[in-house]
PDB file of N, CA and C in Angstrom:
ATOM      1  N   UNK A   1     127.486 131.808 184.188  1.00  0.00           N
ATOM      2  CA  UNK A   1     127.596 130.492 184.515  1.00  0.00           C
ATOM      3  C   UNK A   1     128.790 130.380 185.485  1.00  0.00           C
ATOM      4  N   UNK A   2     128.705 129.344 186.357  1.00  0.00           N
ATOM      5  CA  UNK A   2     129.931 128.933 187.254  1.00  0.00           C
ATOM      6  C   UNK A   2     130.286 127.199 187.397  1.00  0.00           C
ATOM      7  N   UNK A   3     131.373 127.521 187.259  1.00  0.00           N
ATOM      8  CA  UNK A   3     132.028 126.098 186.813  1.00  0.00           C
ATOM      9  C   UNK A   3     131.524 125.418 185.749  1.00  0.00           C
ATOM     10  N   UNK A   4     131.946 126.257 184.869  1.00  0.00           N
ATOM     11  CA  UNK A   4     131.605 125.185 183.434  1.00  0.00           C
ATOM     12  C   UNK A   4     133.138 125.118 183.024  1.00  0.00           C
ATOM     13  N   UNK A   5     133.296 124.253 182.263  1.00  0.00           N
ATOM     14  CA  UNK A   5     134.475 123.798 181.062  1.00  0.00           C
ATOM     15  C   UNK A   5     134.998 124.779 180.418  1.00  0.00           C
ATOM     16  N   UNK A   6     136.502 125.084 180.628  1.00  0.00           N
ATOM     17  CA  UNK A   6     137.200 125.709 179.793  1.00  0.00           C
ATOM     18  C   UNK A   6     136.851 125.393 178.165  1.00  0.00           C
ATOM     19  N   UNK A   7     136.469 124.262 178.009  1.00  0.00           N
ATOM     20  CA  UNK A   7     136.484 123.990 176.168  1.00  0.00           C
ATOM     21  C   UNK A   7     134.778 124.949 175.705  1.00  0.00           C
ATOM     22  N   UNK A   8     135.349 125.599 174.625  1.00  0.00           N
ATOM     23  CA  UNK A   8     133.930 126.327 174.745  1.00  0.00           C
ATOM     24  C   UNK A   8     133.183 125.413 173.905  1.00  0.00           C
ATOM     25  N   UNK A   9     133.443 124.701 173.137  1.00  0.00           N
ATOM     26  CA  UNK A   9     132.315 123.310 172.936  1.00  0.00           C
ATOM     27  C   UNK A   9     131.517 122.858 173.843  1.00  0.00           C
ATOM     28  N   UNK A  10     132.370 122.372 174.785  1.00  0.00           N
ATOM     29  CA  UNK A  10     131.536 121.904 176.357  1.00  0.00           C
ATOM     30  C   UNK A  10     130.992 122.729 177.119  1.00  0.00           C
ATOM     31  N   UNK A  11     131.374 123.565 176.770  1.00  0.00           N
ATOM     32  CA  UNK A  11     130.405 124.921 177.735  1.00  0.00           C
ATOM     33  C   UNK A  11     128.921 125.045 176.936  1.00  0.00           C
ATOM     34  N   UNK A  12     128.996 125.135 175.394  1.00  0.00           N
ATOM     35  CA  UNK A  12     128.234 125.513 174.813  1.00  0.00           C
ATOM     36  C   UNK A  12     126.920 123.944 174.749  1.00  0.00           C
ATOM     37  N   UNK A  13     127.579 123.063 175.329  1.00  0.00           N
ATOM     38  CA  UNK A  13     126.600 121.913 175.468  1.00  0.00           C
ATOM     39  C   UNK A  13     125.915 121.989 176.479  1.00  0.00           C
ATOM     40  N   UNK A  14     126.399 122.385 177.597  1.00  0.00           N
ATOM     41  CA  UNK A  14     126.091 122.580 179.217  1.00  0.00           C
ATOM     42  C   UNK A  14     125.009 123.687 178.807  1.00  0.00           C
ATOM     43  N   UNK A  15     125.130 124.409 178.020  1.00  0.00           N
ATOM     44  CA  UNK A  15     123.828 125.819 178.157  1.00  0.00           C
ATOM     45  C   UNK A  15     122.955 124.874 177.498  1.00  0.00           C
ATOM     46  N   UNK A  16     123.371 124.229 176.187  1.00  0.00           N
ATOM     47  CA  UNK A  16     122.206 123.642 175.746  1.00  0.00           C
ATOM     48  C   UNK A  16     121.317 122.222 176.451  1.00  0.00           C
ATOM     49  N   UNK A  17     122.048 121.926 177.135  1.00  0.00           N
ATOM     50  CA  UNK A  17     121.752 120.480 178.438  1.00  0.00           C
ATOM     51  C   UNK A  17     120.838 121.625 179.001  1.00  0.00           C
ATOM     52  N   UNK A  18     121.138 122.643 179.699  1.00  0.00           N
ATOM     53  CA  UNK A  18     120.474 123.113 180.531  1.00  0.00           C
ATOM     54  C   UNK A  18     118.893 123.895 180.202  1.00  0.00           C
ATOM     55  N   UNK A  19     119.251 124.530 178.788  1.00  0.00           N
ATOM     56  CA  UNK A  19     117.768 124.528 178.409  1.00  0.00           C
ATOM     57  C   UNK A  19     116.853 123.463 177.903  1.00  0.00           C
ATOM     58  N   UNK A  20     117.569 122.366 177.860  1.00  0.00           N
ATOM     59  CA  UNK A  20     116.995 120.895 177.338  1.00  0.00           C
ATOM     60  C   UNK A  20     115.999 120.799 178.853  1.00  0.00           C
ATOM     61  N   UNK A  21     116.961 120.441 179.537  1.00  0.00           N
ATOM     62  CA  UNK A  21     116.235 119.790 180.838  1.00  0.00           C
ATOM     63  C   UNK A  21     115.197 121.250 181.612  1.00  0.00           C
ATOM     64  N   UNK A  22     115.344 122.446 181.025  1.00  0.00           N
ATOM     65  CA  UNK A  22     114.062 123.316 181.675  1.00  0.00           C
ATOM     66  C   UNK A  22     113.477 123.190 181.068  1.00  0.00           C
ATOM     67  N   UNK A  23     113.053 122.815 179.330  1.00  0.00           N
ATOM     68  CA  UNK A  23     111.935 122.636 178.493  1.00  0.00           C
ATOM     69  C   UNK A  23     111.339 121.278 179.159  1.00  0.00           C
ATOM     70  N   UNK A  24     112.460 120.277 179.749  1.00  0.00           N
ATOM     71  CA  UNK A  24     111.484 119.289 179.840  1.00  0.00           C
ATOM     72  C   UNK A  24     110.646 119.102 181.157  1.00  0.00           C
ATOM     73  N   UNK A  25     111.539 120.171 181.638  1.00  0.00           N
ATOM     74  CA  UNK A  25     110.350 120.323 183.101  1.00  0.00           C
ATOM     75  C   UNK A  25     109.672 121.084 182.706  1.00  0.00           C
ATOM     76  N   UNK A  26     109.247 121.799 182.357  1.00  0.00           N
ATOM     77  CA  UNK A  26     107.922 122.626 181.817  1.00  0.00           C
ATOM     78  C   UNK A  26     106.890 121.951 181.459  1.00  0.00           C
ATOM     79  N   UNK A  27     107.744 120.925 180.468  1.00  0.00           N
ATOM     80  CA  UNK A  27     106.458 120.124 179.672  1.00  0.00           C
ATOM     81  C   UNK A  27     105.995 118.860 180.794  1.00  0.00           C
ATOM     82  N   UNK A  28     106.774 118.284 181.881  1.00  0.00           N
ATOM     83  CA  UNK A  28     106.798 117.773 182.611  1.00  0.00           C
ATOM     84  C   UNK A  28     105.410 117.865 183.681  1.00  0.00           C
ATOM     85  N   UNK A  29     105.929 119.146 183.748  1.00  0.00           N
ATOM     86  CA  UNK A  29     104.779 120.163 184.837  1.00  0.00           C
ATOM     87  C   UNK A  29     103.265 120.207 183.744  1.00  0.00           C
ATOM     88  N   UNK A  30     103.663 120.593 182.503  1.00  0.00           N
ATOM     89  CA  UNK A  30     102.531 120.897 182.178  1.00  0.00           C
ATOM     90  C   UNK A  30     101.593 119.822 182.025  1.00  0.00           C
ATOM     91  N   UNK A  31     102.027 118.415 181.831  1.00  0.00           N
ATOM     92  CA  UNK A  31     101.537 117.179 181.487  1.00  0.00           C
ATOM     93  C   UNK A  31     100.993 116.763 182.920  1.00  0.00           C
ATOM     94  N   UNK A  32     101.392 117.349 183.562  1.00  0.00           N
ATOM     95  CA  UNK A  32     100.685 116.740 185.097  1.00  0.00           C
ATOM     96  C   UNK A  32      99.849 117.591 185.623  1.00  0.00           C
ATOM     97  N   UNK A  33      99.877 118.950 185.003  1.00  0.00           N
ATOM     98  CA  UNK A  33      98.779 119.638 185.456  1.00  0.00           C
ATOM     99  C   UNK A  33      97.360 119.613 184.612  1.00  0.00           C
ATOM    100  N   UNK A  34      97.997 119.121 183.601  1.00  0.00           N
ATOM    101  CA  UNK A  34      96.739 118.742 182.393  1.00  0.00           C
ATOM    102  C   UNK A  34      96.171 117.733 183.087  1.00  0.00           C
ATOM    103  N   UNK A  35      96.427 116.434 183.852  1.00  0.00           N
ATOM    104  CA  UNK A  35      96.103 114.937 184.104  1.00  0.00           C
ATOM    105  C   UNK A  35      94.862 115.515 185.137  1.00  0.00           C
ATOM    106  N   UNK A  36      95.649 116.501 186.183  1.00  0.00           N
ATOM    107  CA  UNK A  36      94.657 117.075 187.392  1.00  0.00           C
ATOM    108  C   UNK A  36      93.424 117.421 187.253  1.00  0.00           C
ATOM    109  N   UNK A  37      93.748 118.794 186.150  1.00  0.00           N
ATOM    110  CA  UNK A  37      92.519 119.475 186.070  1.00  0.00           C
ATOM    111  C   UNK A  37      91.772 118.390 185.037  1.00  0.00           C
ATOM    112  N   UNK A  38      92.220 117.388 184.051  1.00  0.00           N
ATOM    113  CA  UNK A  38      91.198 116.102 184.001  1.00  0.00           C
ATOM    114  C   UNK A  38      90.764 115.355 184.891  1.00  0.00           C
ATOM    115  N   UNK A  39      90.766 115.311 186.086  1.00  0.00           N
ATOM    116  CA  UNK A  39      90.666 114.555 187.447  1.00  0.00           C
ATOM    117  C   UNK A  39      90.971 113.110 187.472  1.00  0.00           C
ATOM    118  N   UNK A  40      92.132 113.303 186.747  1.00  0.00           N
ATOM    119  CA  UNK A  40      93.062 112.148 187.390  1.00  0.00           C
ATOM    120  C   UNK A  40      93.990 112.359 188.447  1.00  0.00           C
ATOM    121  N   UNK A  41      94.385 110.977 189.174  1.00  0.00           N
ATOM    122  CA  UNK A  41      94.856 111.083 190.522  1.00  0.00           C
ATOM    123  C   UNK A  41      96.112 110.362 190.300  1.00  0.00           C
ATOM    124  N   UNK A  42      96.497 110.203 189.239  1.00  0.00           N
ATOM    125  CA  UNK A  42      97.951 109.638 188.875  1.00  0.00           C
ATOM    126  C   UNK A  42      98.538 110.369 187.906  1.00  0.00           C
ATOM    127  N   UNK A  43      99.770 110.270 187.900  1.00  0.00           N
ATOM    128  CA  UNK A  43     100.877 111.208 186.350  1.00  0.00           C
ATOM    129  C   UNK A  43     100.622 110.141 185.390  1.00  0.00           C
ATOM    130  N   UNK A  44     100.042 110.703 184.259  1.00  0.00           N
ATOM    131  CA  UNK A  44      99.849 109.865 183.043  1.00  0.00           C
ATOM    132  C   UNK A  44     101.820 109.541 182.412  1.00  0.00           C
ATOM    133  N   UNK A  45     101.416 107.664 181.929  1.00  0.00           N
ATOM    134  CA  UNK A  45     102.634 107.479 181.782  1.00  0.00           C
ATOM    135  C   UNK A  45     103.496 108.451 180.922  1.00  0.00           C
ATOM    136  N   UNK A  46     103.085 109.362 179.992  1.00  0.00           N
ATOM    137  CA  UNK A  46     103.961 110.386 179.356  1.00  0.00           C
ATOM    138  C   UNK A  46     104.511 111.377 179.864  1.00  0.00           C
ATOM    139  N   UNK A  47     104.094 111.990 181.063  1.00  0.00           N
ATOM    140  CA  UNK A  47     105.056 112.498 181.892  1.00  0.00           C
ATOM    141  C   UNK A  47     105.799 111.846 182.766  1.00  0.00           C
ATOM    142  N   UNK A  48     105.794 110.698 183.303  1.00  0.00           N
ATOM    143  CA  UNK A  48     106.836 110.248 183.946  1.00  0.00           C
ATOM    144  C   UNK A  48     107.902 109.842 182.666  1.00  0.00           C
ATOM    145  N   UNK A  49     107.806 109.737 181.773  1.00  0.00           N
ATOM    146  CA  UNK A  49     109.006 109.247 180.707  1.00  0.00           C
ATOM    147  C   UNK A  49     109.473 110.857 180.359  1.00  0.00           C
ATOM    148  N   UNK A  50     108.788 112.086 180.781  1.00  0.00           N
ATOM    149  CA  UNK A  50     109.535 113.053 180.207  1.00  0.00           C
ATOM    150  C   UNK A  50     110.223 113.499 181.567  1.00  0.00           C
ATOM    151  N   UNK A  51     109.935 113.002 182.520  1.00  0.00           N
ATOM    152  CA  UNK A  51     110.116 113.047 183.907  1.00  0.00           C
ATOM    153  C   UNK A  51     111.811 112.384 183.960  1.00  0.00           C
ATOM    154  N   UNK A  52     111.392 111.088 183.532  1.00  0.00           N
ATOM    155  CA  UNK A  52     112.715 110.193 183.208  1.00  0.00           C
ATOM    156  C   UNK A  52     113.643 111.081 182.127  1.00  0.00           C
ATOM    157  N   UNK A  53     113.680 111.558 181.163  1.00  0.00           N
ATOM    158  CA  UNK A  53     114.323 111.974 180.325  1.00  0.00           C
ATOM    159  C   UNK A  53     114.912 113.498 181.101  1.00  0.00           C
ATOM    160  N   UNK A  54     114.241 114.219 181.947  1.00  0.00           N
ATOM    161  CA  UNK A  54     114.875 115.007 182.198  1.00  0.00           C
ATOM    162  C   UNK A  54     115.967 114.643 183.357  1.00  0.00           C
ATOM    163  N   UNK A  55     115.846 114.113 183.944  1.00  0.00           N
ATOM    164  CA  UNK A  55     116.315 113.394 184.768  1.00  0.00           C
ATOM    165  C   UNK A  55     117.737 112.977 184.502  1.00  0.00           C
ATOM    166  N   UNK A  56     117.719 112.386 183.282  1.00  0.00           N
ATOM    167  CA  UNK A  56     118.699 111.773 182.237  1.00  0.00           C
ATOM    168  C   UNK A  56     119.704 113.355 181.626  1.00  0.00           C
ATOM    169  N   UNK A  57     119.183 114.171 181.434  1.00  0.00           N
ATOM    170  CA  UNK A  57     119.423 115.612 181.389  1.00  0.00           C
ATOM    171  C   UNK A  57     120.559 116.322 182.417  1.00  0.00           C
ATOM    172  N   UNK A  58     119.825 115.719 183.321  1.00  0.00           N
ATOM    173  CA  UNK A  58     120.277 116.233 184.306  1.00  0.00           C
ATOM    174  C   UNK A  58     121.733 115.467 184.991  1.00  0.00           C
ATOM    175  N   UNK A  59     121.436 114.465 184.709  1.00  0.00           N
ATOM    176  CA  UNK A  59     122.857 113.509 184.944  1.00  0.00           C
ATOM    177  C   UNK A  59     123.934 113.959 183.808  1.00  0.00           C
ATOM    178  N   UNK A  60     123.432 114.074 183.161  1.00  0.00           N
ATOM    179  CA  UNK A  60     124.417 114.591 181.748  1.00  0.00           C
ATOM    180  C   UNK A  60     125.306 116.054 182.251  1.00  0.00           C
ATOM    181  N   UNK A  61     124.259 116.728 182.805  1.00  0.00           N
ATOM    182  CA  UNK A  61     124.655 118.380 183.135  1.00  0.00           C
ATOM    183  C   UNK A  61     125.521 117.969 184.375  1.00  0.00           C
ATOM    184  N   UNK A  62     125.602 117.221 185.376  1.00  0.00           N
ATOM    185  CA  UNK A  62     126.339 116.685 186.528  1.00  0.00           C
ATOM    186  C   UNK A  62     127.709 116.760 186.090  1.00  0.00           C
ATOM    187  N   UNK A  63     128.140 115.816 185.251  1.00  0.00           N
ATOM    188  CA  UNK A  63     128.831 115.224 184.223  1.00  0.00           C
ATOM    189  C   UNK A  63     129.957 116.037 183.783  1.00  0.00           C
ATOM    190  N   UNK A  64     129.295 116.939 183.236  1.00  0.00           N
ATOM    191  CA  UNK A  64     129.942 117.961 182.546  1.00  0.00           C
ATOM    192  C   UNK A  64     130.021 119.175 183.283  1.00  0.00           C
ATOM    193  N   UNK A  65     129.452 119.497 184.198  1.00  0.00           N
ATOM    194  CA  UNK A  65     129.815 120.442 185.125  1.00  0.00           C
ATOM    195  C   UNK A  65     129.381 120.287 186.392  1.00  0.00           C
ATOM    196  N   UNK A  66     130.142 119.862 187.041  1.00  0.00           N
ATOM    197  CA  UNK A  66     129.595 119.255 188.359  1.00  0.00           C
ATOM    198  C   UNK A  66     128.938 120.074 189.272  1.00  0.00           C
ATOM    199  N   UNK A  67     129.883 121.112 189.565  1.00  0.00           N
ATOM    200  CA  UNK A  67     129.822 122.091 190.489  1.00  0.00           C
ATOM    201  C   UNK A  67     128.282 123.608 190.069  1.00  0.00           C
ATOM    202  N   UNK A  68     128.248 123.087 188.582  1.00  0.00           N
ATOM    203  CA  UNK A  68     127.884 124.426 188.504  1.00  0.00           C
ATOM    204  C   UNK A  68     126.124 123.873 187.987  1.00  0.00           C
ATOM    205  N   UNK A  69     125.614 122.309 188.491  1.00  0.00           N
ATOM    206  CA  UNK A  69     124.197 122.354 188.291  1.00  0.00           C
ATOM    207  C   UNK A  69     123.414 122.804 189.225  1.00  0.00           C
ATOM    208  N   UNK A  70     122.761 123.835 188.287  1.00  0.00           N
ATOM    209  CA  UNK A  70     121.879 124.413 188.984  1.00  0.00           C
ATOM    210  C   UNK A  70     120.232 123.864 188.840  1.00  0.00           C
ATOM    211  N   UNK A  71     120.037 122.261 189.210  1.00  0.00           N
ATOM    212  CA  UNK A  71     119.019 121.426 188.915  1.00  0.00           C
ATOM    213  C   UNK A  71     118.930 120.844 190.365  1.00  0.00           C
ATOM    214  N   UNK A  72     117.765 120.363 190.383  1.00  0.00           N
ATOM    215  CA  UNK A  72     117.606 119.325 191.509  1.00  0.00           C
ATOM    216  C   UNK A  72     117.547 117.921 191.142  1.00  0.00           C
TER     217      UNK A  72
END
């Protein structure tokens, strides 16, 4: 873990947020894949909401550990 805050409570939250961001990323990808496999040519609204939530979590990670962020 790089540049994680010294506060153990914050460091724990950073770890949890990273895990949540990863789960949201995987879920968004799964929804998009399902839509493509079903013949849709556009991302479903649910996938877009999941991706919006993932970006919000990524912003929170950046606020807590700006140099330790390993997401896009």
